[in-house]
Amino acid sequence: MKMEIVLATHNLHKVDEIKNILSHTLLDKAGSSIEFLSLDNFPSIDEIVEDGTTLEENARKKAGTVYEQTGLLSLADDTGLEVEALGGKPGVYSARYAGENATYQQNNEKLLHEMKDIPHDKRSAKFRCVISIIGSAIDEIAIGEVSGQILTEVRGKNGFGYDPVFLPDGYNLSYAEMDSELKNKLSHRARALEKAKKILKRLNLK
């Protein structure tokens, strides 16, 4: 018998990244594998409006809504890029920084434009990923962070979101210049998911 976990997103990039990091190696106490589902498996679930003022609020709202409507253990994340020179923006509005339904390119272009006069030593930024896991007997949060800086131009073609303009501390490659194996070892989402994996393993042992 498989344990099912719903990833509360339609974003295929995010689904692939989460699956790659969590993988199918998690086992329940009976030794059965875990099957990861996404919102594409549940077309009856309406769009969940992310109207929270924090990443935590949005993640919990998504996971809670999906759990209520499916009865299955649900995992949702909300991720934000916090730029020091912009007072923490775009933050919770990262996905729609350039407007509702903005493309990744439009968001990156707006960010680079707003930072065009910011000197190199003032371009510090931090990626934060908040993961909410909600089920019949669980309501927990896992958080991952990575510090770095905003580049002056787009670099790389891998990844998604702000990956082409984010240079993590200690590396000479933007997220978008890294292959998925490297990024999935060090990213903010990877760090949050490693914590989430421990929570899921603990669940499976009950």
N, C-alpha and C. Protein backbone atom coordinates (compact mmCIF):
# COMPACT_ATOMS: atom_id res chain seq x y z
N MET A 1 0.84 -1.21 0.00
CA MET A 1 0.00 0.00 0.00
C MET A 1 0.87 1.24 0.00
N LYS A 2 0.56 2.19 -0.87
CA LYS A 2 1.36 3.41 -0.97
C LYS A 2 0.79 4.52 -0.09
N MET A 3 1.71 5.27 0.48
CA MET A 3 1.31 6.48 1.18
C MET A 3 1.30 7.61 0.16
N GLU A 4 0.24 8.40 0.14
CA GLU A 4 0.11 9.46 -0.85
C GLU A 4 0.32 10.83 -0.19
N ILE A 5 1.11 11.66 -0.84
CA ILE A 5 1.33 13.03 -0.39
C ILE A 5 0.99 13.96 -1.55
N VAL A 6 0.16 14.95 -1.28
CA VAL A 6 -0.21 15.92 -2.32
C VAL A 6 0.71 17.13 -2.21
N LEU A 7 1.40 17.45 -3.30
CA LEU A 7 2.19 18.66 -3.39
C LEU A 7 1.26 19.76 -3.89
N ALA A 8 1.02 20.76 -3.06
CA ALA A 8 -0.02 21.76 -3.33
C ALA A 8 0.44 22.82 -4.32
N THR A 9 0.66 22.38 -5.56
CA THR A 9 1.09 23.31 -6.60
C THR A 9 0.77 22.73 -7.98
N HIS A 10 0.63 23.65 -8.95
CA HIS A 10 0.53 23.26 -10.36
C HIS A 10 1.86 23.49 -11.08
N ASN A 11 2.82 24.09 -10.39
CA ASN A 11 4.09 24.46 -10.98
C ASN A 11 4.94 23.21 -11.22
N LEU A 12 5.08 22.82 -12.49
CA LEU A 12 5.79 21.59 -12.81
C LEU A 12 7.27 21.66 -12.44
N HIS A 13 7.88 22.86 -12.56
CA HIS A 13 9.28 23.01 -12.15
C HIS A 13 9.42 22.70 -10.66
N LYS A 14 8.49 23.23 -9.89
CA LYS A 14 8.54 23.03 -8.44
C LYS A 14 8.27 21.57 -8.09
N VAL A 15 7.30 20.96 -8.76
CA VAL A 15 6.99 19.56 -8.52
C VAL A 15 8.22 18.69 -8.78
N ASP A 16 8.89 18.91 -9.91
CA ASP A 16 10.07 18.11 -10.26
C ASP A 16 11.18 18.31 -9.23
N GLU A 17 11.37 19.56 -8.81
CA GLU A 17 12.44 19.85 -7.86
C GLU A 17 12.15 19.17 -6.52
N ILE A 18 10.91 19.26 -6.06
CA ILE A 18 10.55 18.63 -4.78
C ILE A 18 10.69 17.11 -4.87
N LYS A 19 10.23 16.53 -5.97
CA LYS A 19 10.35 15.08 -6.13
C LYS A 19 11.81 14.65 -6.16
N ASN A 20 12.64 15.41 -6.87
CA ASN A 20 14.05 15.06 -6.98
C ASN A 20 14.74 15.10 -5.62
N ILE A 21 14.34 16.04 -4.79
CA ILE A 21 14.99 16.19 -3.49
C ILE A 21 14.44 15.16 -2.49
N LEU A 22 13.13 15.04 -2.42
CA LEU A 22 12.54 14.08 -1.49
C LEU A 22 12.70 12.66 -2.00
N SER A 23 12.61 12.52 -3.31
CA SER A 23 12.72 11.25 -4.03
C SER A 23 11.66 10.27 -3.57
N HIS A 24 11.72 9.07 -4.12
CA HIS A 24 10.77 8.02 -3.74
C HIS A 24 11.43 7.03 -2.79
N THR A 25 12.47 7.47 -2.09
CA THR A 25 13.16 6.57 -1.17
C THR A 25 12.56 6.58 0.22
N LEU A 26 11.70 7.56 0.50
CA LEU A 26 11.01 7.56 1.79
C LEU A 26 10.08 6.36 1.87
N LEU A 27 10.17 5.64 2.95
CA LEU A 27 9.33 4.45 3.11
C LEU A 27 8.47 4.57 4.35
N ASP A 28 7.26 4.05 4.27
CA ASP A 28 6.43 4.03 5.46
C ASP A 28 6.80 2.79 6.29
N LYS A 29 6.16 2.63 7.43
CA LYS A 29 6.56 1.58 8.35
C LYS A 29 6.33 0.18 7.78
N ALA A 30 5.49 0.08 6.75
CA ALA A 30 5.25 -1.21 6.12
C ALA A 30 6.22 -1.46 4.96
N GLY A 31 7.06 -0.47 4.69
CA GLY A 31 8.04 -0.62 3.62
C GLY A 31 7.52 -0.23 2.26
N SER A 32 6.34 0.35 2.20
CA SER A 32 5.77 0.76 0.92
C SER A 32 6.24 2.15 0.55
N SER A 33 6.36 2.40 -0.73
CA SER A 33 6.85 3.69 -1.18
C SER A 33 5.78 4.77 -1.08
N ILE A 34 6.25 6.00 -1.14
CA ILE A 34 5.35 7.14 -1.10
C ILE A 34 5.09 7.63 -2.53
N GLU A 35 3.85 7.89 -2.84
CA GLU A 35 3.49 8.44 -4.15
C GLU A 35 3.20 9.92 -4.01
N PHE A 36 3.88 10.71 -4.82
CA PHE A 36 3.68 12.16 -4.80
C PHE A 36 2.66 12.55 -5.86
N LEU A 37 1.63 13.27 -5.43
CA LEU A 37 0.62 13.80 -6.34
C LEU A 37 0.76 15.31 -6.37
N SER A 38 0.12 15.95 -7.33
CA SER A 38 0.11 17.42 -7.39
C SER A 38 -1.32 17.89 -7.60
N LEU A 39 -1.52 19.19 -7.64
CA LEU A 39 -2.87 19.72 -7.85
C LEU A 39 -3.42 19.34 -9.22
N ASP A 40 -2.56 18.97 -10.15
CA ASP A 40 -3.03 18.51 -11.45
C ASP A 40 -3.85 17.24 -11.32
N ASN A 41 -3.65 16.50 -10.24
CA ASN A 41 -4.43 15.29 -10.00
C ASN A 41 -5.80 15.58 -9.39
N PHE A 42 -6.03 16.86 -9.02
CA PHE A 42 -7.27 17.23 -8.36
C PHE A 42 -7.85 18.50 -9.02
N PRO A 43 -8.35 18.37 -10.25
CA PRO A 43 -8.87 19.53 -10.99
C PRO A 43 -10.04 20.21 -10.31
N SER A 44 -10.69 19.54 -9.36
CA SER A 44 -11.84 20.15 -8.69
C SER A 44 -11.43 21.20 -7.66
N ILE A 45 -10.15 21.22 -7.30
CA ILE A 45 -9.69 22.21 -6.33
C ILE A 45 -9.48 23.55 -7.03
N ASP A 46 -10.21 24.55 -6.60
CA ASP A 46 -10.10 25.88 -7.20
C ASP A 46 -8.75 26.51 -6.86
N GLU A 47 -8.41 27.55 -7.61
CA GLU A 47 -7.17 28.27 -7.34
C GLU A 47 -7.16 28.78 -5.89
N ILE A 48 -6.06 28.56 -5.22
CA ILE A 48 -5.93 29.00 -3.83
C ILE A 48 -5.26 30.37 -3.83
N VAL A 49 -5.99 31.38 -3.38
CA VAL A 49 -5.47 32.75 -3.39
C VAL A 49 -4.44 32.91 -2.28
N GLU A 50 -3.24 33.30 -2.65
CA GLU A 50 -2.16 33.49 -1.68
C GLU A 50 -2.20 34.92 -1.18
N ASP A 51 -3.07 35.16 -0.21
CA ASP A 51 -3.27 36.52 0.28
C ASP A 51 -2.68 36.74 1.67
N GLY A 52 -1.82 35.84 2.09
CA GLY A 52 -1.16 36.00 3.39
C GLY A 52 -0.12 37.10 3.34
N THR A 53 0.23 37.60 4.51
CA THR A 53 1.24 38.67 4.58
C THR A 53 2.63 38.11 4.84
N THR A 54 2.71 36.79 5.05
CA THR A 54 4.00 36.14 5.26
C THR A 54 4.06 34.86 4.44
N LEU A 55 5.26 34.37 4.22
CA LEU A 55 5.42 33.10 3.52
C LEU A 55 4.78 31.97 4.31
N GLU A 56 4.92 32.03 5.62
CA GLU A 56 4.33 31.01 6.48
C GLU A 56 2.82 30.94 6.31
N GLU A 57 2.16 32.09 6.29
CA GLU A 57 0.70 32.12 6.14
C GLU A 57 0.27 31.50 4.82
N ASN A 58 0.96 31.85 3.75
CA ASN A 58 0.59 31.32 2.44
C ASN A 58 0.80 29.81 2.36
N ALA A 59 1.94 29.34 2.88
CA ALA A 59 2.23 27.90 2.83
C ALA A 59 1.18 27.12 3.61
N ARG A 60 0.82 27.59 4.81
CA ARG A 60 -0.15 26.89 5.63
C ARG A 60 -1.55 26.94 4.99
N LYS A 61 -1.88 28.05 4.37
CA LYS A 61 -3.19 28.14 3.72
C LYS A 61 -3.30 27.13 2.59
N LYS A 62 -2.26 27.01 1.78
CA LYS A 62 -2.28 26.08 0.66
C LYS A 62 -2.35 24.63 1.14
N ALA A 63 -1.48 24.28 2.08
CA ALA A 63 -1.47 22.91 2.57
C ALA A 63 -2.78 22.57 3.28
N GLY A 64 -3.27 23.51 4.09
CA GLY A 64 -4.51 23.27 4.82
C GLY A 64 -5.71 23.10 3.91
N THR A 65 -5.79 23.94 2.88
CA THR A 65 -6.91 23.85 1.93
C THR A 65 -6.89 22.52 1.19
N VAL A 66 -5.72 22.11 0.74
CA VAL A 66 -5.61 20.85 0.00
C VAL A 66 -5.92 19.66 0.89
N TYR A 67 -5.46 19.70 2.13
CA TYR A 67 -5.77 18.60 3.05
C TYR A 67 -7.28 18.52 3.30
N GLU A 68 -7.91 19.65 3.52
CA GLU A 68 -9.35 19.68 3.77
C GLU A 68 -10.14 19.08 2.61
N GLN A 69 -9.67 19.32 1.38
CA GLN A 69 -10.44 18.88 0.22
C GLN A 69 -10.06 17.49 -0.29
N THR A 70 -8.91 16.98 0.14
CA THR A 70 -8.50 15.65 -0.33
C THR A 70 -8.44 14.62 0.79
N GLY A 71 -8.26 15.06 2.02
CA GLY A 71 -8.09 14.13 3.12
C GLY A 71 -6.74 13.47 3.13
N LEU A 72 -5.84 13.92 2.24
CA LEU A 72 -4.50 13.33 2.14
C LEU A 72 -3.46 14.27 2.74
N LEU A 73 -2.39 13.68 3.23
CA LEU A 73 -1.28 14.46 3.74
C LEU A 73 -0.83 15.44 2.66
N SER A 74 -0.74 16.72 3.01
CA SER A 74 -0.46 17.75 2.01
C SER A 74 0.79 18.54 2.37
N LEU A 75 1.55 18.88 1.34
CA LEU A 75 2.79 19.64 1.51
C LEU A 75 2.74 20.83 0.57
N ALA A 76 2.94 22.02 1.12
CA ALA A 76 2.94 23.23 0.31
C ALA A 76 4.12 24.09 0.68
N ASP A 77 4.65 24.79 -0.29
CA ASP A 77 5.74 25.71 0.02
C ASP A 77 5.41 27.09 -0.51
N ASP A 78 5.98 28.08 0.15
CA ASP A 78 5.96 29.43 -0.39
C ASP A 78 7.37 29.95 -0.27
N THR A 79 7.85 30.53 -1.34
CA THR A 79 9.24 30.96 -1.40
C THR A 79 9.32 32.42 -1.75
N GLY A 80 10.24 33.11 -1.12
CA GLY A 80 10.40 34.53 -1.40
C GLY A 80 11.87 34.92 -1.49
N LEU A 81 12.13 35.88 -2.35
CA LEU A 81 13.46 36.47 -2.47
C LEU A 81 13.43 37.80 -1.72
N GLU A 82 14.28 37.94 -0.72
CA GLU A 82 14.31 39.15 0.10
C GLU A 82 15.61 39.91 -0.18
N VAL A 83 15.47 41.09 -0.77
CA VAL A 83 16.63 41.89 -1.15
C VAL A 83 16.82 43.01 -0.14
N GLU A 84 17.98 43.06 0.46
CA GLU A 84 18.24 44.01 1.54
C GLU A 84 18.07 45.45 1.09
N ALA A 85 18.60 45.79 -0.09
CA ALA A 85 18.55 47.17 -0.58
C ALA A 85 17.13 47.62 -0.91
N LEU A 86 16.23 46.67 -1.06
CA LEU A 86 14.83 46.99 -1.37
C LEU A 86 13.93 46.80 -0.16
N GLY A 87 14.54 46.77 1.01
CA GLY A 87 13.75 46.64 2.23
C GLY A 87 13.07 45.30 2.39
N GLY A 88 13.65 44.25 1.81
CA GLY A 88 13.08 42.92 1.91
C GLY A 88 12.19 42.53 0.75
N LYS A 89 11.95 43.43 -0.18
CA LYS A 89 11.16 43.11 -1.36
C LYS A 89 12.00 42.23 -2.29
N PRO A 90 11.34 41.48 -3.19
CA PRO A 90 9.89 41.32 -3.36
C PRO A 90 9.21 40.44 -2.29
N GLY A 91 9.99 39.64 -1.55
CA GLY A 91 9.44 38.89 -0.43
C GLY A 91 8.23 38.04 -0.79
N VAL A 92 7.15 38.23 -0.04
CA VAL A 92 5.96 37.42 -0.22
C VAL A 92 5.32 37.64 -1.59
N TYR A 93 5.69 38.72 -2.26
CA TYR A 93 5.13 39.03 -3.59
C TYR A 93 6.07 38.61 -4.72
N SER A 94 7.04 37.76 -4.43
CA SER A 94 8.06 37.40 -5.42
C SER A 94 7.48 36.87 -6.72
N ALA A 95 6.48 36.01 -6.64
CA ALA A 95 5.94 35.39 -7.86
C ALA A 95 5.18 36.37 -8.74
N ARG A 96 4.71 37.47 -8.15
CA ARG A 96 3.93 38.44 -8.92
C ARG A 96 4.50 39.85 -8.77
N TYR A 97 5.80 39.92 -8.68
CA TYR A 97 6.48 41.20 -8.45
C TYR A 97 6.20 42.19 -9.57
N ALA A 98 6.16 41.70 -10.80
CA ALA A 98 5.92 42.58 -11.95
C ALA A 98 4.44 42.63 -12.32
N GLY A 99 3.58 42.11 -11.44
CA GLY A 99 2.13 42.13 -11.69
C GLY A 99 1.55 40.73 -11.68
N GLU A 100 0.24 40.64 -11.58
CA GLU A 100 -0.42 39.35 -11.62
C GLU A 100 -0.11 38.64 -12.94
N ASN A 101 0.15 37.35 -12.85
CA ASN A 101 0.47 36.53 -14.03
C ASN A 101 1.76 36.95 -14.72
N ALA A 102 2.64 37.62 -13.98
CA ALA A 102 3.93 38.02 -14.55
C ALA A 102 4.77 36.79 -14.86
N THR A 103 5.56 36.87 -15.92
CA THR A 103 6.47 35.77 -16.26
C THR A 103 7.74 35.89 -15.43
N TYR A 104 8.51 34.80 -15.41
CA TYR A 104 9.79 34.84 -14.72
C TYR A 104 10.66 35.97 -15.28
N GLN A 105 10.66 36.09 -16.60
CA GLN A 105 11.48 37.11 -17.25
C GLN A 105 11.06 38.51 -16.81
N GLN A 106 9.78 38.75 -16.74
CA GLN A 106 9.29 40.08 -16.35
C GLN A 106 9.68 40.41 -14.91
N ASN A 107 9.58 39.42 -14.04
CA ASN A 107 9.97 39.64 -12.64
C ASN A 107 11.46 39.95 -12.53
N ASN A 108 12.26 39.21 -13.27
CA ASN A 108 13.70 39.45 -13.25
C ASN A 108 14.06 40.81 -13.82
N GLU A 109 13.39 41.18 -14.89
CA GLU A 109 13.66 42.48 -15.52
C GLU A 109 13.32 43.62 -14.56
N LYS A 110 12.19 43.50 -13.85
CA LYS A 110 11.82 44.55 -12.90
C LYS A 110 12.83 44.64 -11.77
N LEU A 111 13.25 43.48 -11.26
CA LEU A 111 14.21 43.48 -10.16
C LEU A 111 15.54 44.10 -10.60
N LEU A 112 16.04 43.72 -11.75
CA LEU A 112 17.31 44.28 -12.23
C LEU A 112 17.20 45.77 -12.49
N HIS A 113 16.04 46.20 -12.99
CA HIS A 113 15.84 47.64 -13.23
C HIS A 113 15.86 48.42 -11.93
N GLU A 114 15.19 47.89 -10.91
CA GLU A 114 15.13 48.60 -9.63
C GLU A 114 16.48 48.62 -8.92
N MET A 115 17.38 47.71 -9.32
CA MET A 115 18.68 47.64 -8.66
C MET A 115 19.82 48.13 -9.55
N LYS A 116 19.49 48.78 -10.65
CA LYS A 116 20.53 49.16 -11.61
C LYS A 116 21.55 50.14 -11.04
N ASP A 117 21.18 50.91 -10.03
CA ASP A 117 22.12 51.87 -9.45
C ASP A 117 22.67 51.42 -8.09
N ILE A 118 22.36 50.17 -7.71
CA ILE A 118 22.82 49.64 -6.43
C ILE A 118 24.23 49.06 -6.61
N PRO A 119 25.22 49.52 -5.85
CA PRO A 119 26.59 49.02 -6.00
C PRO A 119 26.73 47.56 -5.59
N HIS A 120 27.82 46.95 -6.01
CA HIS A 120 28.06 45.53 -5.80
C HIS A 120 27.98 45.14 -4.33
N ASP A 121 28.53 45.95 -3.45
CA ASP A 121 28.58 45.58 -2.04
C ASP A 121 27.27 45.84 -1.29
N LYS A 122 26.25 46.29 -2.03
CA LYS A 122 24.94 46.54 -1.41
C LYS A 122 23.84 45.68 -2.02
N ARG A 123 24.23 44.60 -2.70
CA ARG A 123 23.25 43.79 -3.44
C ARG A 123 22.92 42.47 -2.72
N SER A 124 23.08 42.47 -1.40
CA SER A 124 22.82 41.26 -0.62
C SER A 124 21.34 40.86 -0.71
N ALA A 125 21.12 39.56 -0.74
CA ALA A 125 19.75 39.04 -0.82
C ALA A 125 19.69 37.68 -0.13
N LYS A 126 18.50 37.25 0.15
CA LYS A 126 18.30 35.96 0.81
C LYS A 126 17.07 35.29 0.23
N PHE A 127 17.21 34.03 -0.14
CA PHE A 127 16.08 33.22 -0.54
C PHE A 127 15.56 32.48 0.68
N ARG A 128 14.26 32.54 0.92
CA ARG A 128 13.63 31.80 2.01
C ARG A 128 12.55 30.89 1.45
N CYS A 129 12.54 29.66 1.91
CA CYS A 129 11.51 28.70 1.53
C CYS A 129 10.85 28.18 2.79
N VAL A 130 9.53 28.31 2.85
CA VAL A 130 8.76 27.82 3.98
C VAL A 130 7.86 26.69 3.50
N ILE A 131 8.00 25.53 4.11
CA ILE A 131 7.20 24.36 3.75
C ILE A 131 6.24 24.03 4.88
N SER A 132 4.98 23.87 4.53
CA SER A 132 3.95 23.48 5.49
C SER A 132 3.52 22.05 5.19
N ILE A 133 3.49 21.23 6.23
CA ILE A 133 3.03 19.85 6.10
C ILE A 133 1.82 19.68 7.01
N ILE A 134 0.68 19.37 6.42
CA ILE A 134 -0.56 19.25 7.18
C ILE A 134 -1.25 17.93 6.85
N GLY A 135 -1.64 17.21 7.90
CA GLY A 135 -2.36 15.96 7.75
C GLY A 135 -3.27 15.75 8.94
N SER A 136 -3.76 14.54 9.10
CA SER A 136 -4.71 14.26 10.17
C SER A 136 -4.12 14.46 11.55
N ALA A 137 -2.82 14.25 11.69
CA ALA A 137 -2.19 14.37 13.01
C ALA A 137 -0.93 15.21 12.96
N ILE A 138 -0.85 16.10 11.98
CA ILE A 138 0.38 16.89 11.85
C ILE A 138 0.09 18.27 11.29
N ASP A 139 0.79 19.24 11.80
CA ASP A 139 0.74 20.61 11.28
C ASP A 139 2.09 21.22 11.62
N GLU A 140 3.06 21.05 10.72
CA GLU A 140 4.42 21.47 10.99
C GLU A 140 4.98 22.32 9.85
N ILE A 141 6.00 23.10 10.20
CA ILE A 141 6.65 24.01 9.26
C ILE A 141 8.14 23.66 9.19
N ALA A 142 8.69 23.71 7.98
CA ALA A 142 10.13 23.55 7.78
C ALA A 142 10.62 24.75 6.97
N ILE A 143 11.73 25.34 7.38
CA ILE A 143 12.23 26.56 6.73
C ILE A 143 13.67 26.37 6.27
N GLY A 144 13.95 26.82 5.06
CA GLY A 144 15.31 26.80 4.53
C GLY A 144 15.68 28.17 3.99
N GLU A 145 16.93 28.58 4.21
CA GLU A 145 17.40 29.89 3.75
C GLU A 145 18.77 29.76 3.08
N VAL A 146 19.00 30.60 2.08
CA VAL A 146 20.31 30.71 1.45
C VAL A 146 20.59 32.18 1.19
N SER A 147 21.75 32.64 1.64
CA SER A 147 22.15 34.04 1.41
C SER A 147 22.99 34.14 0.15
N GLY A 148 22.95 35.32 -0.45
CA GLY A 148 23.72 35.54 -1.67
C GLY A 148 23.62 36.99 -2.09
N GLN A 149 23.70 37.23 -3.38
CA GLN A 149 23.57 38.59 -3.90
C GLN A 149 22.91 38.57 -5.27
N ILE A 150 22.36 39.72 -5.62
CA ILE A 150 21.69 39.87 -6.91
C ILE A 150 22.71 40.31 -7.96
N LEU A 151 22.77 39.57 -9.05
CA LEU A 151 23.68 39.90 -10.14
C LEU A 151 23.20 41.15 -10.88
N THR A 152 24.03 41.66 -11.76
CA THR A 152 23.64 42.84 -12.54
C THR A 152 23.02 42.47 -13.87
N GLU A 153 23.03 41.18 -14.18
CA GLU A 153 22.43 40.70 -15.42
C GLU A 153 22.03 39.24 -15.26
N VAL A 154 21.19 38.80 -16.16
CA VAL A 154 20.74 37.41 -16.15
C VAL A 154 21.88 36.50 -16.57
N ARG A 155 22.05 35.40 -15.82
CA ARG A 155 23.10 34.42 -16.14
C ARG A 155 22.56 33.01 -16.00
N GLY A 156 22.65 32.23 -17.08
CA GLY A 156 22.23 30.83 -17.04
C GLY A 156 20.83 30.60 -17.55
N LYS A 157 20.56 29.36 -17.94
CA LYS A 157 19.27 29.02 -18.53
C LYS A 157 18.56 27.88 -17.80
N ASN A 158 19.14 27.40 -16.73
CA ASN A 158 18.48 26.33 -15.98
C ASN A 158 17.59 26.92 -14.90
N GLY A 159 16.87 26.06 -14.20
CA GLY A 159 16.05 26.53 -13.09
C GLY A 159 14.85 27.34 -13.53
N PHE A 160 14.37 28.18 -12.61
CA PHE A 160 13.18 28.99 -12.88
C PHE A 160 13.15 30.15 -11.89
N GLY A 161 12.14 31.00 -12.02
CA GLY A 161 12.02 32.13 -11.10
C GLY A 161 13.21 33.08 -11.18
N TYR A 162 13.75 33.41 -10.01
CA TYR A 162 14.86 34.35 -9.94
C TYR A 162 16.23 33.66 -10.02
N ASP A 163 16.24 32.40 -10.38
CA ASP A 163 17.50 31.65 -10.45
C ASP A 163 18.58 32.33 -11.29
N PRO A 164 18.23 32.97 -12.43
CA PRO A 164 19.29 33.56 -13.27
C PRO A 164 19.94 34.81 -12.69
N VAL A 165 19.35 35.40 -11.64
CA VAL A 165 19.93 36.64 -11.10
C VAL A 165 20.43 36.46 -9.67
N PHE A 166 20.37 35.24 -9.14
CA PHE A 166 20.78 35.01 -7.76
C PHE A 166 22.08 34.24 -7.71
N LEU A 167 23.08 34.82 -7.05
CA LEU A 167 24.39 34.20 -6.87
C LEU A 167 24.55 33.83 -5.40
N PRO A 168 24.47 32.53 -5.07
CA PRO A 168 24.59 32.13 -3.66
C PRO A 168 26.00 32.35 -3.14
N ASP A 169 26.10 32.70 -1.88
CA ASP A 169 27.41 32.92 -1.26
C ASP A 169 28.28 31.68 -1.39
N GLY A 170 29.55 31.92 -1.74
CA GLY A 170 30.50 30.82 -1.83
C GLY A 170 30.56 30.16 -3.19
N TYR A 171 29.80 30.65 -4.15
CA TYR A 171 29.77 30.06 -5.49
C TYR A 171 29.96 31.15 -6.55
N ASN A 172 30.51 30.75 -7.69
CA ASN A 172 30.68 31.67 -8.82
C ASN A 172 29.62 31.42 -9.89
N LEU A 173 28.67 30.56 -9.59
CA LEU A 173 27.60 30.25 -10.52
C LEU A 173 26.27 30.73 -9.96
N SER A 174 25.46 31.31 -10.83
CA SER A 174 24.08 31.61 -10.42
C SER A 174 23.33 30.29 -10.28
N TYR A 175 22.18 30.32 -9.62
CA TYR A 175 21.37 29.11 -9.55
C TYR A 175 21.10 28.56 -10.95
N ALA A 176 20.86 29.45 -11.91
CA ALA A 176 20.49 29.03 -13.26
C ALA A 176 21.67 28.49 -14.06
N GLU A 177 22.88 28.71 -13.56
CA GLU A 177 24.07 28.15 -14.22
C GLU A 177 24.45 26.79 -13.65
N MET A 178 23.81 26.42 -12.56
CA MET A 178 24.08 25.13 -11.92
C MET A 178 23.24 24.03 -12.54
N ASP A 179 23.76 22.80 -12.53
CA ASP A 179 22.90 21.69 -12.91
C ASP A 179 21.99 21.38 -11.73
N SER A 180 20.94 20.63 -12.00
CA SER A 180 19.94 20.38 -10.96
C SER A 180 20.52 19.64 -9.77
N GLU A 181 21.51 18.79 -10.00
CA GLU A 181 22.11 18.02 -8.90
C GLU A 181 22.78 18.95 -7.89
N LEU A 182 23.55 19.92 -8.40
CA LEU A 182 24.22 20.85 -7.49
C LEU A 182 23.22 21.77 -6.80
N LYS A 183 22.31 22.33 -7.58
CA LYS A 183 21.34 23.24 -6.98
C LYS A 183 20.51 22.53 -5.91
N ASN A 184 20.13 21.29 -6.18
CA ASN A 184 19.28 20.56 -5.23
C ASN A 184 20.03 20.13 -3.97
N LYS A 185 21.32 20.35 -3.94
CA LYS A 185 22.09 20.07 -2.73
C LYS A 185 22.17 21.29 -1.82
N LEU A 186 22.10 22.49 -2.42
CA LEU A 186 22.38 23.69 -1.62
C LEU A 186 21.26 24.71 -1.57
N SER A 187 20.22 24.55 -2.36
CA SER A 187 19.20 25.60 -2.46
C SER A 187 18.38 25.74 -1.19
N HIS A 188 17.71 26.87 -1.08
CA HIS A 188 16.80 27.14 0.02
C HIS A 188 15.70 26.08 0.11
N ARG A 189 15.17 25.68 -1.05
CA ARG A 189 14.14 24.66 -1.06
C ARG A 189 14.72 23.31 -0.62
N ALA A 190 15.94 23.02 -1.06
CA ALA A 190 16.58 21.77 -0.64
C ALA A 190 16.76 21.73 0.87
N ARG A 191 17.16 22.85 1.45
CA ARG A 191 17.37 22.89 2.90
C ARG A 191 16.05 22.72 3.66
N ALA A 192 15.00 23.34 3.15
CA ALA A 192 13.70 23.18 3.79
C ALA A 192 13.19 21.75 3.62
N LEU A 193 13.40 21.17 2.46
CA LEU A 193 12.92 19.82 2.20
C LEU A 193 13.69 18.77 2.99
N GLU A 194 14.96 19.03 3.27
CA GLU A 194 15.70 18.10 4.12
C GLU A 194 15.07 18.04 5.51
N LYS A 195 14.63 19.19 6.00
CA LYS A 195 13.94 19.22 7.28
C LYS A 195 12.57 18.55 7.17
N ALA A 196 11.89 18.79 6.04
CA ALA A 196 10.59 18.16 5.81
C ALA A 196 10.73 16.65 5.73
N LYS A 197 11.83 16.18 5.12
CA LYS A 197 12.05 14.74 5.00
C LYS A 197 12.15 14.10 6.38
N LYS A 198 12.82 14.77 7.31
CA LYS A 198 12.93 14.23 8.67
C LYS A 198 11.56 14.16 9.34
N ILE A 199 10.72 15.16 9.07
CA ILE A 199 9.36 15.15 9.63
C ILE A 199 8.58 13.97 9.06
N LEU A 200 8.69 13.76 7.73
CA LEU A 200 7.95 12.67 7.10
C LEU A 200 8.45 11.31 7.58
N LYS A 201 9.74 11.18 7.74
CA LYS A 201 10.29 9.92 8.24
C LYS A 201 9.79 9.64 9.65
N ARG A 202 9.72 10.67 10.46
CA ARG A 202 9.21 10.51 11.82
C ARG A 202 7.74 10.08 11.80
N LEU A 203 7.00 10.66 10.88
CA LEU A 203 5.59 10.27 10.72
C LEU A 203 5.46 8.80 10.38
N ASN A 204 6.31 8.36 9.46
CA ASN A 204 6.21 6.99 8.97
C ASN A 204 6.54 5.95 10.02
N LEU A 205 7.25 6.38 11.05
CA LEU A 205 7.64 5.44 12.09
C LEU A 205 6.57 5.27 13.15
N LYS A 206 5.53 6.10 13.11
CA LYS A 206 4.48 6.02 14.12
C LYS A 206 3.59 4.81 13.89
